[in-house]
Amino acid sequence: MTELHLVRPAPLDVSLLDADERRRAAALRRPADRELYAAAHSELRRRLGARLGVDPAAVELVRLPCPLCGGPHGRPAVAGGAGPHFSLSHTDGLALLAFADRPVGADVEKLPSAGVLADVAATLHPRERAELAELPDGERPLAFARCWTRKEACLKGTGEGLAGDGMASLLVGTGRTPLAVPGWTVRDVAVPEGYAAAVSVADSAPSSPTSPSASSVRQHR
């Protein structure tokens, strides 16, 4: 079962965050971004702490090995393998938390401007670029954001992120229903107008910290 939660900015409170999270929050230039970051990470800690039966501030978070290079920048996890799998995403004004009993990735994005869409659409799968080109101008931002969040959710689920060629090779589609991705269940998430979001959950429990591997996503062309 996948548990989803939306988080909005709140008055700045970093009392539950660890030293690294506090540094990251302080580095954000806009007050609203600092407030959203702190609110989202605090809510993540509260929910993990409740599941683990520990103080939220005591939850130790780590990064699993990257499935591409083995570096310490793969999926986030609770230290020692305790607790559920989780994913956190935030964009301008909104954050999305996802929890599951198997690898999960979530992404939320604000709909892009026409200029951003034109710059970034070239990174998508050729079929998706063709789909966008056929749409009226007014329908492209939502279609693009649907596609982008589905891809990011899948790539965050594997731990690959944007480091590989997943944006160009992974085919999820721009339409109302995501295309099937081997090994993963991908679905759109209902969010307020002006945003798009998606979640991707592995179809099977992992046999090791980095499984299921990113190969099933990268090879879906």
C-alpha atoms as a PDB file:
ATOM      1  CA  MET A   1       0.000   0.000   0.000  1.00  0.00           C
ATOM      2  CA  THR A   2       1.244   3.491  -0.901  1.00  0.00           C
ATOM      3  CA  GLU A   3       0.616   6.396   1.473  1.00  0.00           C
ATOM      4  CA  LEU A   4       0.724   9.917   0.021  1.00  0.00           C
ATOM      5  CA  HIS A   5       0.728  13.313   1.731  1.00  0.00           C
ATOM      6  CA  LEU A   6       0.793  16.859   0.361  1.00  0.00           C
ATOM      7  CA  VAL A   7       2.627  19.530   2.355  1.00  0.00           C
ATOM      8  CA  ARG A   8       2.345  23.311   2.088  1.00  0.00           C
ATOM      9  CA  PRO A   9       4.758  25.947   3.447  1.00  0.00           C
ATOM     10  CA  ALA A  10       4.418  26.673   7.167  1.00  0.00           C
ATOM     11  CA  PRO A  11       6.082  29.117   9.588  1.00  0.00           C
ATOM     12  CA  LEU A  12       9.760  28.236   9.663  1.00  0.00           C
ATOM     13  CA  ASP A  13      10.586  25.580  12.273  1.00  0.00           C
ATOM     14  CA  VAL A  14      13.809  23.585  11.970  1.00  0.00           C
ATOM     15  CA  SER A  15      13.697  21.984  15.426  1.00  0.00           C
ATOM     16  CA  LEU A  16      13.241  18.452  14.047  1.00  0.00           C
ATOM     17  CA  LEU A  17      15.856  18.720  11.289  1.00  0.00           C
ATOM     18  CA  ASP A  18      19.406  17.411  11.513  1.00  0.00           C
ATOM     19  CA  ALA A  19      22.480  19.574  10.905  1.00  0.00           C
ATOM     20  CA  ASP A  20      22.665  18.827   7.179  1.00  0.00           C
ATOM     21  CA  GLU A  21      18.970  19.588   6.652  1.00  0.00           C
ATOM     22  CA  ARG A  22      19.330  22.859   8.531  1.00  0.00           C
ATOM     23  CA  ARG A  23      22.264  23.854   6.306  1.00  0.00           C
ATOM     24  CA  ARG A  24      20.263  23.008   3.196  1.00  0.00           C
ATOM     25  CA  ALA A  25      17.277  25.006   4.427  1.00  0.00           C
ATOM     26  CA  ALA A  26      19.425  28.006   5.294  1.00  0.00           C
ATOM     27  CA  ALA A  27      21.026  27.936   1.830  1.00  0.00           C
ATOM     28  CA  LEU A  28      17.677  28.522   0.115  1.00  0.00           C
ATOM     29  CA  ARG A  29      17.340  32.177  -0.837  1.00  0.00           C
ATOM     30  CA  ARG A  30      13.537  32.580  -0.795  1.00  0.00           C
ATOM     31  CA  PRO A  31      11.800  32.470   2.618  1.00  0.00           C
ATOM     32  CA  ALA A  32       8.901  30.483   1.106  1.00  0.00           C
ATOM     33  CA  ASP A  33      11.343  27.835  -0.138  1.00  0.00           C
ATOM     34  CA  ARG A  34      12.957  27.565   3.302  1.00  0.00           C
ATOM     35  CA  GLU A  35       9.532  27.237   4.915  1.00  0.00           C
ATOM     36  CA  LEU A  36       8.424  24.511   2.506  1.00  0.00           C
ATOM     37  CA  TYR A  37      11.689  22.589   2.831  1.00  0.00           C
ATOM     38  CA  ALA A  38      11.514  22.645   6.630  1.00  0.00           C
ATOM     39  CA  ALA A  39       7.812  21.750   6.681  1.00  0.00           C
ATOM     40  CA  ALA A  40       8.235  18.830   4.263  1.00  0.00           C
ATOM     41  CA  HIS A  41      11.288  17.351   5.973  1.00  0.00           C
ATOM     42  CA  SER A  42       9.740  17.816   9.406  1.00  0.00           C
ATOM     43  CA  GLU A  43       6.577  16.017   8.269  1.00  0.00           C
ATOM     44  CA  LEU A  44       8.710  13.220   6.803  1.00  0.00           C
ATOM     45  CA  ARG A  45      10.480  12.838  10.152  1.00  0.00           C
ATOM     46  CA  ARG A  46       7.244  12.911  12.129  1.00  0.00           C
ATOM     47  CA  ARG A  47       5.727  10.124  10.041  1.00  0.00           C
ATOM     48  CA  LEU A  48       8.871   8.006  10.058  1.00  0.00           C
ATOM     49  CA  GLY A  49       9.287   8.555  13.799  1.00  0.00           C
ATOM     50  CA  ALA A  50       5.700   7.443  14.426  1.00  0.00           C
ATOM     51  CA  ARG A  51       6.259   4.257  12.430  1.00  0.00           C
ATOM     52  CA  LEU A  52       9.550   3.509  14.156  1.00  0.00           C
ATOM     53  CA  GLY A  53       8.433   4.533  17.643  1.00  0.00           C
ATOM     54  CA  VAL A  54      11.246   7.072  18.050  1.00  0.00           C
ATOM     55  CA  ASP A  55      11.606  10.826  18.404  1.00  0.00           C
ATOM     56  CA  PRO A  56      11.299  12.371  14.907  1.00  0.00           C
ATOM     57  CA  ALA A  57      14.482  14.352  15.476  1.00  0.00           C
ATOM     58  CA  ALA A  58      16.336  11.094  16.172  1.00  0.00           C
ATOM     59  CA  VAL A  59      15.483   9.476  12.826  1.00  0.00           C
ATOM     60  CA  GLU A  60      18.768   8.977  10.958  1.00  0.00           C
ATOM     61  CA  LEU A  61      18.501   9.318   7.201  1.00  0.00           C
ATOM     62  CA  VAL A  62      21.080   8.061   4.708  1.00  0.00           C
ATOM     63  CA  ARG A  63      21.528   7.654   0.955  1.00  0.00           C
ATOM     64  CA  LEU A  64      21.720   4.188  -0.593  1.00  0.00           C
ATOM     65  CA  PRO A  65      24.399   3.440  -3.227  1.00  0.00           C
ATOM     66  CA  CYS A  66      23.691   4.835  -6.688  1.00  0.00           C
ATOM     67  CA  PRO A  67      22.722   1.956  -9.028  1.00  0.00           C
ATOM     68  CA  LEU A  68      24.804   3.528 -11.817  1.00  0.00           C
ATOM     69  CA  CYS A  69      28.122   4.328 -10.126  1.00  0.00           C
ATOM     70  CA  GLY A  70      27.848   2.998  -6.573  1.00  0.00           C
ATOM     71  CA  GLY A  71      28.306   6.470  -5.095  1.00  0.00           C
ATOM     72  CA  PRO A  72      26.434   7.566  -1.937  1.00  0.00           C
ATOM     73  CA  HIS A  73      23.698   9.469  -3.748  1.00  0.00           C
ATOM     74  CA  GLY A  74      21.008   6.878  -4.469  1.00  0.00           C
ATOM     75  CA  ARG A  75      17.560   6.677  -2.892  1.00  0.00           C
ATOM     76  CA  PRO A  76      17.139   8.168   0.598  1.00  0.00           C
ATOM     77  CA  ALA A  77      16.457   5.641   3.351  1.00  0.00           C
ATOM     78  CA  VAL A  78      16.333   5.215   7.116  1.00  0.00           C
ATOM     79  CA  ALA A  79      19.739   4.163   8.465  1.00  0.00           C
ATOM     80  CA  GLY A  80      20.046   0.459   9.154  1.00  0.00           C
ATOM     81  CA  GLY A  81      17.241  -0.482   6.798  1.00  0.00           C
ATOM     82  CA  ALA A  82      14.502   0.229   9.353  1.00  0.00           C
ATOM     83  CA  GLY A  83      11.201   1.779   8.454  1.00  0.00           C
ATOM     84  CA  PRO A  84       9.300   2.029   5.174  1.00  0.00           C
ATOM     85  CA  HIS A  85      10.584   3.076   1.791  1.00  0.00           C
ATOM     86  CA  PHE A  86       9.856   6.731   1.129  1.00  0.00           C
ATOM     87  CA  SER A  87      10.270   9.551  -1.362  1.00  0.00           C
ATOM     88  CA  LEU A  88      10.000  13.320  -0.986  1.00  0.00           C
ATOM     89  CA  SER A  89       9.603  15.929  -3.705  1.00  0.00           C
ATOM     90  CA  HIS A  90       9.027  19.653  -3.518  1.00  0.00           C
ATOM     91  CA  THR A  91       8.418  22.408  -6.031  1.00  0.00           C
ATOM     92  CA  ASP A  92       7.329  26.024  -5.747  1.00  0.00           C
ATOM     93  CA  GLY A  93       4.668  26.057  -3.011  1.00  0.00           C
ATOM     94  CA  LEU A  94       3.953  22.327  -2.673  1.00  0.00           C
ATOM     95  CA  ALA A  95       5.656  19.121  -1.497  1.00  0.00           C
ATOM     96  CA  LEU A  96       4.685  15.471  -1.901  1.00  0.00           C
ATOM     97  CA  LEU A  97       5.599  12.617   0.471  1.00  0.00           C
ATOM     98  CA  ALA A  98       5.203   8.946  -0.474  1.00  0.00           C
ATOM     99  CA  PHE A  99       5.617   5.874   1.767  1.00  0.00           C
ATOM    100  CA  ALA A 100       5.453   2.222   0.717  1.00  0.00           C
ATOM    101  CA  ASP A 101       6.618  -1.270   1.700  1.00  0.00           C
ATOM    102  CA  ARG A 102       8.830  -1.414  -1.411  1.00  0.00           C
ATOM    103  CA  PRO A 103      10.928   1.076  -3.407  1.00  0.00           C
ATOM    104  CA  VAL A 104       8.922   4.167  -4.268  1.00  0.00           C
ATOM    105  CA  GLY A 105       9.522   7.423  -6.096  1.00  0.00           C
ATOM    106  CA  ALA A 106       7.406  10.557  -6.111  1.00  0.00           C
ATOM    107  CA  ASP A 107       7.610  13.838  -7.959  1.00  0.00           C
ATOM    108  CA  VAL A 108       5.576  17.043  -7.994  1.00  0.00           C
ATOM    109  CA  GLU A 109       6.158  19.978 -10.329  1.00  0.00           C
ATOM    110  CA  LYS A 110       4.587  23.338 -11.030  1.00  0.00           C
ATOM    111  CA  LEU A 111       3.369  23.610 -14.620  1.00  0.00           C
ATOM    112  CA  PRO A 112       6.159  25.110 -16.736  1.00  0.00           C
ATOM    113  CA  SER A 113       6.112  28.338 -18.706  1.00  0.00           C
ATOM    114  CA  ALA A 114       6.216  28.119 -22.489  1.00  0.00           C
ATOM    115  CA  GLY A 115       9.895  29.070 -22.476  1.00  0.00           C
ATOM    116  CA  VAL A 116      10.917  26.397 -19.968  1.00  0.00           C
ATOM    117  CA  LEU A 117       8.846  23.791 -21.798  1.00  0.00           C
ATOM    118  CA  ALA A 118      10.551  24.590 -25.110  1.00  0.00           C
ATOM    119  CA  ASP A 119      13.999  24.302 -23.515  1.00  0.00           C
ATOM    120  CA  VAL A 120      13.404  21.045 -21.623  1.00  0.00           C
ATOM    121  CA  ALA A 121      11.073  19.100 -23.944  1.00  0.00           C
ATOM    122  CA  ALA A 122      14.064  18.129 -26.095  1.00  0.00           C
ATOM    123  CA  THR A 123      15.273  15.831 -23.276  1.00  0.00           C
ATOM    124  CA  LEU A 124      12.188  13.585 -23.520  1.00  0.00           C
ATOM    125  CA  HIS A 125      11.708  10.351 -25.461  1.00  0.00           C
ATOM    126  CA  PRO A 126      11.210  11.036 -29.220  1.00  0.00           C
ATOM    127  CA  ARG A 127       7.667   9.670 -29.107  1.00  0.00           C
ATOM    128  CA  GLU A 128       6.788  12.011 -26.244  1.00  0.00           C
ATOM    129  CA  ARG A 129       8.266  14.983 -28.078  1.00  0.00           C
ATOM    130  CA  ALA A 130       6.082  14.110 -31.055  1.00  0.00           C
ATOM    131  CA  GLU A 131       2.997  13.877 -28.840  1.00  0.00           C
ATOM    132  CA  LEU A 132       3.664  17.328 -27.390  1.00  0.00           C
ATOM    133  CA  ALA A 133       4.224  18.832 -30.833  1.00  0.00           C
ATOM    134  CA  GLU A 134       0.765  17.692 -31.914  1.00  0.00           C
ATOM    135  CA  LEU A 135      -1.008  19.406 -29.001  1.00  0.00           C
ATOM    136  CA  PRO A 136      -2.419  22.960 -28.955  1.00  0.00           C
ATOM    137  CA  ASP A 137      -0.162  25.396 -27.120  1.00  0.00           C
ATOM    138  CA  GLY A 138      -2.544  25.652 -24.174  1.00  0.00           C
ATOM    139  CA  GLU A 139      -2.492  21.894 -23.504  1.00  0.00           C
ATOM    140  CA  ARG A 140       1.268  21.384 -23.631  1.00  0.00           C
ATOM    141  CA  PRO A 141       2.263  22.554 -20.112  1.00  0.00           C
ATOM    142  CA  LEU A 142       0.056  19.998 -18.340  1.00  0.00           C
ATOM    143  CA  ALA A 143       0.939  17.200 -20.777  1.00  0.00           C
ATOM    144  CA  PHE A 144       4.647  17.919 -20.365  1.00  0.00           C
ATOM    145  CA  ALA A 145       4.401  18.098 -16.562  1.00  0.00           C
ATOM    146  CA  ARG A 146       2.495  14.796 -16.453  1.00  0.00           C
ATOM    147  CA  CYS A 147       5.252  13.168 -18.497  1.00  0.00           C
ATOM    148  CA  TRP A 148       8.097  14.737 -16.520  1.00  0.00           C
ATOM    149  CA  THR A 149       6.738  13.817 -13.090  1.00  0.00           C
ATOM    150  CA  ARG A 150       6.124  10.207 -14.173  1.00  0.00           C
ATOM    151  CA  LYS A 151       9.717   9.922 -15.363  1.00  0.00           C
ATOM    152  CA  GLU A 152      11.178  11.534 -12.249  1.00  0.00           C
ATOM    153  CA  ALA A 153       9.059   9.310 -10.020  1.00  0.00           C
ATOM    154  CA  CYS A 154      10.427   6.209 -11.781  1.00  0.00           C
ATOM    155  CA  LEU A 155      14.022   7.407 -11.715  1.00  0.00           C
ATOM    156  CA  LYS A 156      13.807   8.420  -8.052  1.00  0.00           C
ATOM    157  CA  GLY A 157      12.348   4.999  -7.281  1.00  0.00           C
ATOM    158  CA  THR A 158      15.404   3.263  -8.701  1.00  0.00           C
ATOM    159  CA  GLY A 159      17.810   5.794  -7.202  1.00  0.00           C
ATOM    160  CA  GLU A 160      19.161   6.682 -10.628  1.00  0.00           C
ATOM    161  CA  GLY A 161      17.726  10.192 -10.662  1.00  0.00           C
ATOM    162  CA  LEU A 162      18.730  12.436 -13.526  1.00  0.00           C
ATOM    163  CA  ALA A 163      22.302  11.113 -13.681  1.00  0.00           C
ATOM    164  CA  GLY A 164      21.663   8.623 -16.495  1.00  0.00           C
ATOM    165  CA  ASP A 165      19.786   8.716 -19.779  1.00  0.00           C
ATOM    166  CA  GLY A 166      16.413   7.871 -18.265  1.00  0.00           C
ATOM    167  CA  MET A 167      14.673  11.048 -19.375  1.00  0.00           C
ATOM    168  CA  ALA A 168      15.325  10.237 -23.033  1.00  0.00           C
ATOM    169  CA  SER A 169      15.041   6.442 -22.907  1.00  0.00           C
ATOM    170  CA  LEU A 170      12.130   5.912 -20.527  1.00  0.00           C
ATOM    171  CA  LEU A 171       8.718   6.064 -22.226  1.00  0.00           C
ATOM    172  CA  VAL A 172       5.791   7.031 -19.977  1.00  0.00           C
ATOM    173  CA  GLY A 173       3.669   9.113 -22.344  1.00  0.00           C
ATOM    174  CA  THR A 174       2.102  12.555 -22.129  1.00  0.00           C
ATOM    175  CA  GLY A 175      -1.564  11.483 -22.151  1.00  0.00           C
ATOM    176  CA  ARG A 176      -4.025  11.134 -19.309  1.00  0.00           C
ATOM    177  CA  THR A 177      -2.907   7.580 -18.482  1.00  0.00           C
ATOM    178  CA  PRO A 178       0.770   6.613 -17.967  1.00  0.00           C
ATOM    179  CA  LEU A 179       2.207   3.946 -20.236  1.00  0.00           C
ATOM    180  CA  ALA A 180       3.318   0.707 -18.581  1.00  0.00           C
ATOM    181  CA  VAL A 181       6.881   0.577 -17.215  1.00  0.00           C
ATOM    182  CA  PRO A 182       8.291  -2.945 -16.647  1.00  0.00           C
ATOM    183  CA  GLY A 183       8.701  -3.707 -12.955  1.00  0.00           C
ATOM    184  CA  TRP A 184       6.925  -0.568 -11.750  1.00  0.00           C
ATOM    185  CA  THR A 185       3.397   0.708 -11.216  1.00  0.00           C
ATOM    186  CA  VAL A 186       3.159   4.369 -12.219  1.00  0.00           C
ATOM    187  CA  ARG A 187       0.166   6.597 -11.579  1.00  0.00           C
ATOM    188  CA  ASP A 188      -0.639  10.273 -11.534  1.00  0.00           C
ATOM    189  CA  VAL A 189      -1.442  11.945  -8.218  1.00  0.00           C
ATOM    190  CA  ALA A 190      -4.272  14.431  -7.737  1.00  0.00           C
ATOM    191  CA  VAL A 191      -2.823  17.845  -6.840  1.00  0.00           C
ATOM    192  CA  PRO A 192      -4.103  21.441  -6.907  1.00  0.00           C
ATOM    193  CA  GLU A 193      -4.543  23.220 -10.236  1.00  0.00           C
ATOM    194  CA  GLY A 194      -1.271  24.481 -11.639  1.00  0.00           C
ATOM    195  CA  TYR A 195       0.705  21.413 -10.566  1.00  0.00           C
ATOM    196  CA  ALA A 196       1.271  17.842 -11.730  1.00  0.00           C
ATOM    197  CA  ALA A 197       2.501  14.877  -9.693  1.00  0.00           C
ATOM    198  CA  ALA A 198       3.143  11.162 -10.013  1.00  0.00           C
ATOM    199  CA  VAL A 199       4.221   8.185  -7.920  1.00  0.00           C
ATOM    200  CA  SER A 200       6.016   5.006  -9.001  1.00  0.00           C
ATOM    201  CA  VAL A 201       6.116   1.861  -6.848  1.00  0.00           C
ATOM    202  CA  ALA A 202       8.198  -1.257  -7.516  1.00  0.00           C
ATOM    203  CA  ASP A 203       6.105  -4.327  -8.323  1.00  0.00           C
ATOM    204  CA  SER A 204       8.232  -6.505  -6.033  1.00  0.00           C
ATOM    205  CA  ALA A 205      10.112  -6.066  -2.774  1.00  0.00           C
ATOM    206  CA  PRO A 206      13.880  -5.528  -3.137  1.00  0.00           C
ATOM    207  CA  SER A 207      16.332  -8.385  -2.670  1.00  0.00           C
ATOM    208  CA  SER A 208      19.121  -5.909  -1.862  1.00  0.00           C
ATOM    209  CA  PRO A 209      19.342  -2.200  -0.993  1.00  0.00           C
ATOM    210  CA  THR A 210      19.576  -1.168  -4.652  1.00  0.00           C
ATOM    211  CA  SER A 211      17.103  -3.666  -6.139  1.00  0.00           C
ATOM    212  CA  PRO A 212      15.024  -3.703  -8.240  1.00  0.00           C
ATOM    213  CA  SER A 213      17.780  -2.256 -10.385  1.00  0.00           C
ATOM    214  CA  ALA A 214      17.550   0.774 -12.598  1.00  0.00           C
ATOM    215  CA  SER A 215      18.143  -1.404 -15.647  1.00  0.00           C
ATOM    216  CA  SER A 216      14.457  -2.195 -16.070  1.00  0.00           C
ATOM    217  CA  VAL A 217      13.769   1.526 -16.379  1.00  0.00           C
ATOM    218  CA  ARG A 218      16.764   2.431 -18.544  1.00  0.00           C
ATOM    219  CA  GLN A 219      16.050  -0.386 -21.002  1.00  0.00           C
ATOM    220  CA  HIS A 220      12.401   0.606 -21.517  1.00  0.00           C
ATOM    221  CA  ARG A 221      12.778   2.392 -24.856  1.00  0.00           C
END
